[in-house]
Amino acid sequence: MNIDIIFKIAAIGILVTVLNQILIRSGREEQAMMVTLAGIVVVLMMVIHLINNLFNTVKTIFHLY
């Protein structure tokens, strides 16, 4: 497994946290919530792609079609 995906997820988390705090302190709570939701969606899409690769690898190893 490549460790780059962990660093990408961590970078997205840090970026979303910083943007969230900036937006909350400027009084834009709605935009802060949207940034948080967008970050969650991006990370979930990355994880779903990895899970799909895992299932395809398991199918290939055990010859399940």
PDB file of N, CA and C in Angstrom:
ATOM      1  N   MET A   1       0.848  -1.183   0.000  1.00  0.00           N
ATOM      2  CA  MET A   1       0.000   0.000   0.000  1.00  0.00           C
ATOM      3  C   MET A   1       0.891   1.243   0.000  1.00  0.00           C
ATOM      4  N   ASN A   2       0.439   2.211  -0.689  1.00  0.00           N
ATOM      5  CA  ASN A   2       1.188   3.450  -0.805  1.00  0.00           C
ATOM      6  C   ASN A   2       0.800   4.391   0.329  1.00  0.00           C
ATOM      7  N   ILE A   3       1.794   5.022   0.931  1.00  0.00           N
ATOM      8  CA  ILE A   3       1.539   5.909   2.070  1.00  0.00           C
ATOM      9  C   ILE A   3       1.092   7.296   1.613  1.00  0.00           C
ATOM     10  N   ASP A   4       1.189   7.562   0.319  1.00  0.00           N
ATOM     11  CA  ASP A   4       0.798   8.874  -0.201  1.00  0.00           C
ATOM     12  C   ASP A   4      -0.667   9.200   0.082  1.00  0.00           C
ATOM     13  N   ILE A   5      -1.520   8.196   0.063  1.00  0.00           N
ATOM     14  CA  ILE A   5      -2.947   8.442   0.292  1.00  0.00           C
ATOM     15  C   ILE A   5      -3.189   8.958   1.708  1.00  0.00           C
ATOM     16  N   ILE A   6      -2.404   8.478   2.668  1.00  0.00           N
ATOM     17  CA  ILE A   6      -2.546   8.949   4.049  1.00  0.00           C
ATOM     18  C   ILE A   6      -2.150  10.411   4.144  1.00  0.00           C
ATOM     19  N   PHE A   7      -1.069  10.787   3.454  1.00  0.00           N
ATOM     20  CA  PHE A   7      -0.643  12.181   3.461  1.00  0.00           C
ATOM     21  C   PHE A   7      -1.654  13.085   2.756  1.00  0.00           C
ATOM     22  N   LYS A   8      -2.274  12.577   1.686  1.00  0.00           N
ATOM     23  CA  LYS A   8      -3.293  13.371   0.978  1.00  0.00           C
ATOM     24  C   LYS A   8      -4.499  13.618   1.882  1.00  0.00           C
ATOM     25  N   ILE A   9      -4.947  12.583   2.576  1.00  0.00           N
ATOM     26  CA  ILE A   9      -6.095  12.724   3.471  1.00  0.00           C
ATOM     27  C   ILE A   9      -5.758  13.672   4.616  1.00  0.00           C
ATOM     28  N   ALA A  10      -4.555  13.565   5.153  1.00  0.00           N
ATOM     29  CA  ALA A  10      -4.139  14.471   6.226  1.00  0.00           C
ATOM     30  C   ALA A  10      -4.065  15.911   5.734  1.00  0.00           C
ATOM     31  N   ALA A  11      -3.558  16.121   4.528  1.00  0.00           N
ATOM     32  CA  ALA A  11      -3.472  17.477   3.969  1.00  0.00           C
ATOM     33  C   ALA A  11      -4.853  18.070   3.749  1.00  0.00           C
ATOM     34  N   ILE A  12      -5.780  17.266   3.270  1.00  0.00           N
ATOM     35  CA  ILE A  12      -7.152  17.747   3.091  1.00  0.00           C
ATOM     36  C   ILE A  12      -7.758  18.099   4.439  1.00  0.00           C
ATOM     37  N   GLY A  13      -7.521  17.277   5.442  1.00  0.00           N
ATOM     38  CA  GLY A  13      -8.040  17.554   6.777  1.00  0.00           C
ATOM     39  C   GLY A  13      -7.491  18.843   7.357  1.00  0.00           C
ATOM     40  N   ILE A  14      -6.193  19.074   7.193  1.00  0.00           N
ATOM     41  CA  ILE A  14      -5.590  20.308   7.703  1.00  0.00           C
ATOM     42  C   ILE A  14      -6.138  21.515   6.958  1.00  0.00           C
ATOM     43  N   LEU A  15      -6.242  21.419   5.637  1.00  0.00           N
ATOM     44  CA  LEU A  15      -6.766  22.523   4.833  1.00  0.00           C
ATOM     45  C   LEU A  15      -8.208  22.854   5.201  1.00  0.00           C
ATOM     46  N   VAL A  16      -9.031  21.834   5.357  1.00  0.00           N
ATOM     47  CA  VAL A  16     -10.436  22.046   5.716  1.00  0.00           C
ATOM     48  C   VAL A  16     -10.538  22.661   7.111  1.00  0.00           C
ATOM     49  N   THR A  17      -9.705  22.209   8.038  1.00  0.00           N
ATOM     50  CA  THR A  17      -9.725  22.758   9.395  1.00  0.00           C
ATOM     51  C   THR A  17      -9.362  24.238   9.412  1.00  0.00           C
ATOM     52  N   VAL A  18      -8.305  24.600   8.675  1.00  0.00           N
ATOM     53  CA  VAL A  18      -7.890  26.002   8.631  1.00  0.00           C
ATOM     54  C   VAL A  18      -8.974  26.866   7.992  1.00  0.00           C
ATOM     55  N   LEU A  19      -9.508  26.408   6.859  1.00  0.00           N
ATOM     56  CA  LEU A  19     -10.571  27.182   6.203  1.00  0.00           C
ATOM     57  C   LEU A  19     -11.810  27.291   7.080  1.00  0.00           C
ATOM     58  N   ASN A  20     -12.124  26.220   7.771  1.00  0.00           N
ATOM     59  CA  ASN A  20     -13.281  26.222   8.660  1.00  0.00           C
ATOM     60  C   ASN A  20     -13.112  27.255   9.768  1.00  0.00           C
ATOM     61  N   GLN A  21     -11.959  27.290  10.389  1.00  0.00           N
ATOM     62  CA  GLN A  21     -11.714  28.248  11.470  1.00  0.00           C
ATOM     63  C   GLN A  21     -11.732  29.689  10.966  1.00  0.00           C
ATOM     64  N   ILE A  22     -11.157  29.918   9.800  1.00  0.00           N
ATOM     65  CA  ILE A  22     -11.169  31.272   9.227  1.00  0.00           C
ATOM     66  C   ILE A  22     -12.594  31.721   8.956  1.00  0.00           C
ATOM     67  N   LEU A  23     -13.393  30.837   8.374  1.00  0.00           N
ATOM     68  CA  LEU A  23     -14.769  31.206   8.042  1.00  0.00           C
ATOM     69  C   LEU A  23     -15.623  31.401   9.290  1.00  0.00           C
ATOM     70  N   ILE A  24     -15.427  30.589  10.302  1.00  0.00           N
ATOM     71  CA  ILE A  24     -16.200  30.738  11.538  1.00  0.00           C
ATOM     72  C   ILE A  24     -15.863  32.052  12.233  1.00  0.00           C
ATOM     73  N   ARG A  25     -14.593  32.392  12.280  1.00  0.00           N
ATOM     74  CA  ARG A  25     -14.184  33.637  12.949  1.00  0.00           C
ATOM     75  C   ARG A  25     -14.634  34.884  12.192  1.00  0.00           C
ATOM     76  N   SER A  26     -14.883  34.740  10.889  1.00  0.00           N
ATOM     77  CA  SER A  26     -15.374  35.886  10.128  1.00  0.00           C
ATOM     78  C   SER A  26     -16.901  35.936  10.092  1.00  0.00           C
ATOM     79  N   GLY A  27     -17.550  35.006  10.786  1.00  0.00           N
ATOM     80  CA  GLY A  27     -19.002  35.035  10.902  1.00  0.00           C
ATOM     81  C   GLY A  27     -19.736  34.337   9.777  1.00  0.00           C
ATOM     82  N   ARG A  28     -19.081  33.474   9.057  1.00  0.00           N
ATOM     83  CA  ARG A  28     -19.711  32.760   7.936  1.00  0.00           C
ATOM     84  C   ARG A  28     -19.819  31.274   8.267  1.00  0.00           C
ATOM     85  N   GLU A  29     -20.690  30.966   9.186  1.00  0.00           N
ATOM     86  CA  GLU A  29     -20.830  29.586   9.642  1.00  0.00           C
ATOM     87  C   GLU A  29     -21.381  28.667   8.553  1.00  0.00           C
ATOM     88  N   GLU A  30     -22.264  29.188   7.700  1.00  0.00           N
ATOM     89  CA  GLU A  30     -22.852  28.358   6.649  1.00  0.00           C
ATOM     90  C   GLU A  30     -21.791  27.910   5.650  1.00  0.00           C
ATOM     91  N   GLN A  31     -20.918  28.841   5.245  1.00  0.00           N
ATOM     92  CA  GLN A  31     -19.851  28.474   4.321  1.00  0.00           C
ATOM     93  C   GLN A  31     -18.852  27.526   4.980  1.00  0.00           C
ATOM     94  N   ALA A  32     -18.627  27.703   6.274  1.00  0.00           N
ATOM     95  CA  ALA A  32     -17.723  26.803   6.997  1.00  0.00           C
ATOM     96  C   ALA A  32     -18.274  25.380   6.988  1.00  0.00           C
ATOM     97  N   MET A  33     -19.577  25.249   7.171  1.00  0.00           N
ATOM     98  CA  MET A  33     -20.200  23.924   7.138  1.00  0.00           C
ATOM     99  C   MET A  33     -20.096  23.310   5.746  1.00  0.00           C
ATOM    100  N   MET A  34     -20.255  24.123   4.705  1.00  0.00           N
ATOM    101  CA  MET A  34     -20.150  23.615   3.332  1.00  0.00           C
ATOM    102  C   MET A  34     -18.721  23.172   3.015  1.00  0.00           C
ATOM    103  N   VAL A  35     -17.735  23.910   3.504  1.00  0.00           N
ATOM    104  CA  VAL A  35     -16.337  23.513   3.301  1.00  0.00           C
ATOM    105  C   VAL A  35     -16.070  22.188   3.994  1.00  0.00           C
ATOM    106  N   THR A  36     -16.585  22.027   5.193  1.00  0.00           N
ATOM    107  CA  THR A  36     -16.404  20.780   5.930  1.00  0.00           C
ATOM    108  C   THR A  36     -17.054  19.611   5.194  1.00  0.00           C
ATOM    109  N   LEU A  37     -18.267  19.815   4.721  1.00  0.00           N
ATOM    110  CA  LEU A  37     -18.957  18.757   3.980  1.00  0.00           C
ATOM    111  C   LEU A  37     -18.237  18.414   2.684  1.00  0.00           C
ATOM    112  N   ALA A  38     -17.717  19.424   1.988  1.00  0.00           N
ATOM    113  CA  ALA A  38     -16.976  19.171   0.753  1.00  0.00           C
ATOM    114  C   ALA A  38     -15.712  18.359   1.045  1.00  0.00           C
ATOM    115  N   GLY A  39     -15.023  18.679   2.136  1.00  0.00           N
ATOM    116  CA  GLY A  39     -13.838  17.917   2.513  1.00  0.00           C
ATOM    117  C   GLY A  39     -14.167  16.468   2.824  1.00  0.00           C
ATOM    118  N   ILE A  40     -15.268  16.255   3.522  1.00  0.00           N
ATOM    119  CA  ILE A  40     -15.687  14.887   3.847  1.00  0.00           C
ATOM    120  C   ILE A  40     -16.015  14.110   2.585  1.00  0.00           C
ATOM    121  N   VAL A  41     -16.698  14.755   1.649  1.00  0.00           N
ATOM    122  CA  VAL A  41     -17.064  14.081   0.402  1.00  0.00           C
ATOM    123  C   VAL A  41     -15.816  13.708  -0.395  1.00  0.00           C
ATOM    124  N   VAL A  42     -14.856  14.612  -0.466  1.00  0.00           N
ATOM    125  CA  VAL A  42     -13.619  14.327  -1.209  1.00  0.00           C
ATOM    126  C   VAL A  42     -12.885  13.147  -0.591  1.00  0.00           C
ATOM    127  N   VAL A  43     -12.757  13.128   0.717  1.00  0.00           N
ATOM    128  CA  VAL A  43     -12.059  12.029   1.387  1.00  0.00           C
ATOM    129  C   VAL A  43     -12.829  10.723   1.230  1.00  0.00           C
ATOM    130  N   LEU A  44     -14.144  10.770   1.325  1.00  0.00           N
ATOM    131  CA  LEU A  44     -14.944   9.552   1.145  1.00  0.00           C
ATOM    132  C   LEU A  44     -14.803   8.999  -0.267  1.00  0.00           C
ATOM    133  N   MET A  45     -14.731   9.869  -1.266  1.00  0.00           N
ATOM    134  CA  MET A  45     -14.545   9.390  -2.636  1.00  0.00           C
ATOM    135  C   MET A  45     -13.185   8.696  -2.782  1.00  0.00           C
ATOM    136  N   MET A  46     -12.162   9.238  -2.133  1.00  0.00           N
ATOM    137  CA  MET A  46     -10.843   8.605  -2.178  1.00  0.00           C
ATOM    138  C   MET A  46     -10.881   7.231  -1.501  1.00  0.00           C
ATOM    139  N   VAL A  47     -11.547   7.149  -0.368  1.00  0.00           N
ATOM    140  CA  VAL A  47     -11.626   5.880   0.373  1.00  0.00           C
ATOM    141  C   VAL A  47     -12.464   4.863  -0.390  1.00  0.00           C
ATOM    142  N   ILE A  48     -13.543   5.299  -1.017  1.00  0.00           N
ATOM    143  CA  ILE A  48     -14.382   4.382  -1.802  1.00  0.00           C
ATOM    144  C   ILE A  48     -13.584   3.793  -2.964  1.00  0.00           C
ATOM    145  N   HIS A  49     -12.763   4.615  -3.590  1.00  0.00           N
ATOM    146  CA  HIS A  49     -11.919   4.124  -4.681  1.00  0.00           C
ATOM    147  C   HIS A  49     -10.946   3.055  -4.167  1.00  0.00           C
ATOM    148  N   LEU A  50     -10.369   3.279  -2.996  1.00  0.00           N
ATOM    149  CA  LEU A  50      -9.447   2.296  -2.427  1.00  0.00           C
ATOM    150  C   LEU A  50     -10.160   0.995  -2.052  1.00  0.00           C
ATOM    151  N   ILE A  51     -11.365   1.111  -1.516  1.00  0.00           N
ATOM    152  CA  ILE A  51     -12.127  -0.091  -1.158  1.00  0.00           C
ATOM    153  C   ILE A  51     -12.502  -0.881  -2.412  1.00  0.00           C
ATOM    154  N   ASN A  52     -12.833  -0.166  -3.484  1.00  0.00           N
ATOM    155  CA  ASN A  52     -13.136  -0.829  -4.749  1.00  0.00           C
ATOM    156  C   ASN A  52     -11.912  -1.593  -5.250  1.00  0.00           C
ATOM    157  N   ASN A  53     -10.736  -0.980  -5.165  1.00  0.00           N
ATOM    158  CA  ASN A  53      -9.511  -1.678  -5.566  1.00  0.00           C
ATOM    159  C   ASN A  53      -9.260  -2.907  -4.694  1.00  0.00           C
ATOM    160  N   LEU A  54      -9.549  -2.791  -3.396  1.00  0.00           N
ATOM    161  CA  LEU A  54      -9.377  -3.931  -2.495  1.00  0.00           C
ATOM    162  C   LEU A  54     -10.283  -5.086  -2.892  1.00  0.00           C
ATOM    163  N   PHE A  55     -11.562  -4.796  -3.162  1.00  0.00           N
ATOM    164  CA  PHE A  55     -12.492  -5.863  -3.542  1.00  0.00           C
ATOM    165  C   PHE A  55     -12.097  -6.494  -4.872  1.00  0.00           C
ATOM    166  N   ASN A  56     -11.626  -5.695  -5.813  1.00  0.00           N
ATOM    167  CA  ASN A  56     -11.183  -6.254  -7.090  1.00  0.00           C
ATOM    168  C   ASN A  56      -9.963  -7.147  -6.904  1.00  0.00           C
ATOM    169  N   THR A  57      -9.067  -6.770  -6.013  1.00  0.00           N
ATOM    170  CA  THR A  57      -7.898  -7.599  -5.738  1.00  0.00           C
ATOM    171  C   THR A  57      -8.302  -8.911  -5.079  1.00  0.00           C
ATOM    172  N   VAL A  58      -9.233  -8.864  -4.147  1.00  0.00           N
ATOM    173  CA  VAL A  58      -9.708 -10.085  -3.483  1.00  0.00           C
ATOM    174  C   VAL A  58     -10.380 -11.002  -4.493  1.00  0.00           C
ATOM    175  N   LYS A  59     -11.187 -10.423  -5.391  1.00  0.00           N
ATOM    176  CA  LYS A  59     -11.839 -11.233  -6.425  1.00  0.00           C
ATOM    177  C   LYS A  59     -10.813 -11.896  -7.328  1.00  0.00           C
ATOM    178  N   THR A  60      -9.769 -11.164  -7.674  1.00  0.00           N
ATOM    179  CA  THR A  60      -8.740 -11.708  -8.544  1.00  0.00           C
ATOM    180  C   THR A  60      -7.953 -12.822  -7.842  1.00  0.00           C
ATOM    181  N   ILE A  61      -7.625 -12.626  -6.576  1.00  0.00           N
ATOM    182  CA  ILE A  61      -6.837 -13.618  -5.847  1.00  0.00           C
ATOM    183  C   ILE A  61      -7.598 -14.920  -5.705  1.00  0.00           C
ATOM    184  N   PHE A  62      -8.872 -14.840  -5.371  1.00  0.00           N
ATOM    185  CA  PHE A  62      -9.668 -16.043  -5.118  1.00  0.00           C
ATOM    186  C   PHE A  62     -10.458 -16.493  -6.345  1.00  0.00           C
ATOM    187  N   HIS A  63     -10.207 -15.897  -7.486  1.00  0.00           N
ATOM    188  CA  HIS A  63     -10.862 -16.245  -8.752  1.00  0.00           C
ATOM    189  C   HIS A  63     -12.380 -16.197  -8.639  1.00  0.00           C
ATOM    190  N   LEU A  64     -12.891 -15.145  -8.030  1.00  0.00           N
ATOM    191  CA  LEU A  64     -14.336 -14.944  -7.916  1.00  0.00           C
ATOM    192  C   LEU A  64     -14.761 -13.972  -9.009  1.00  0.00           C
ATOM    193  N   TYR A  65     -15.665 -14.402  -9.861  1.00  0.00           N
ATOM    194  CA  TYR A  65     -16.099 -13.515 -10.949  1.00  0.00           C
ATOM    195  C   TYR A  65     -17.563 -13.274 -10.918  1.00  0.00           C
TER     196      TYR A  65
END
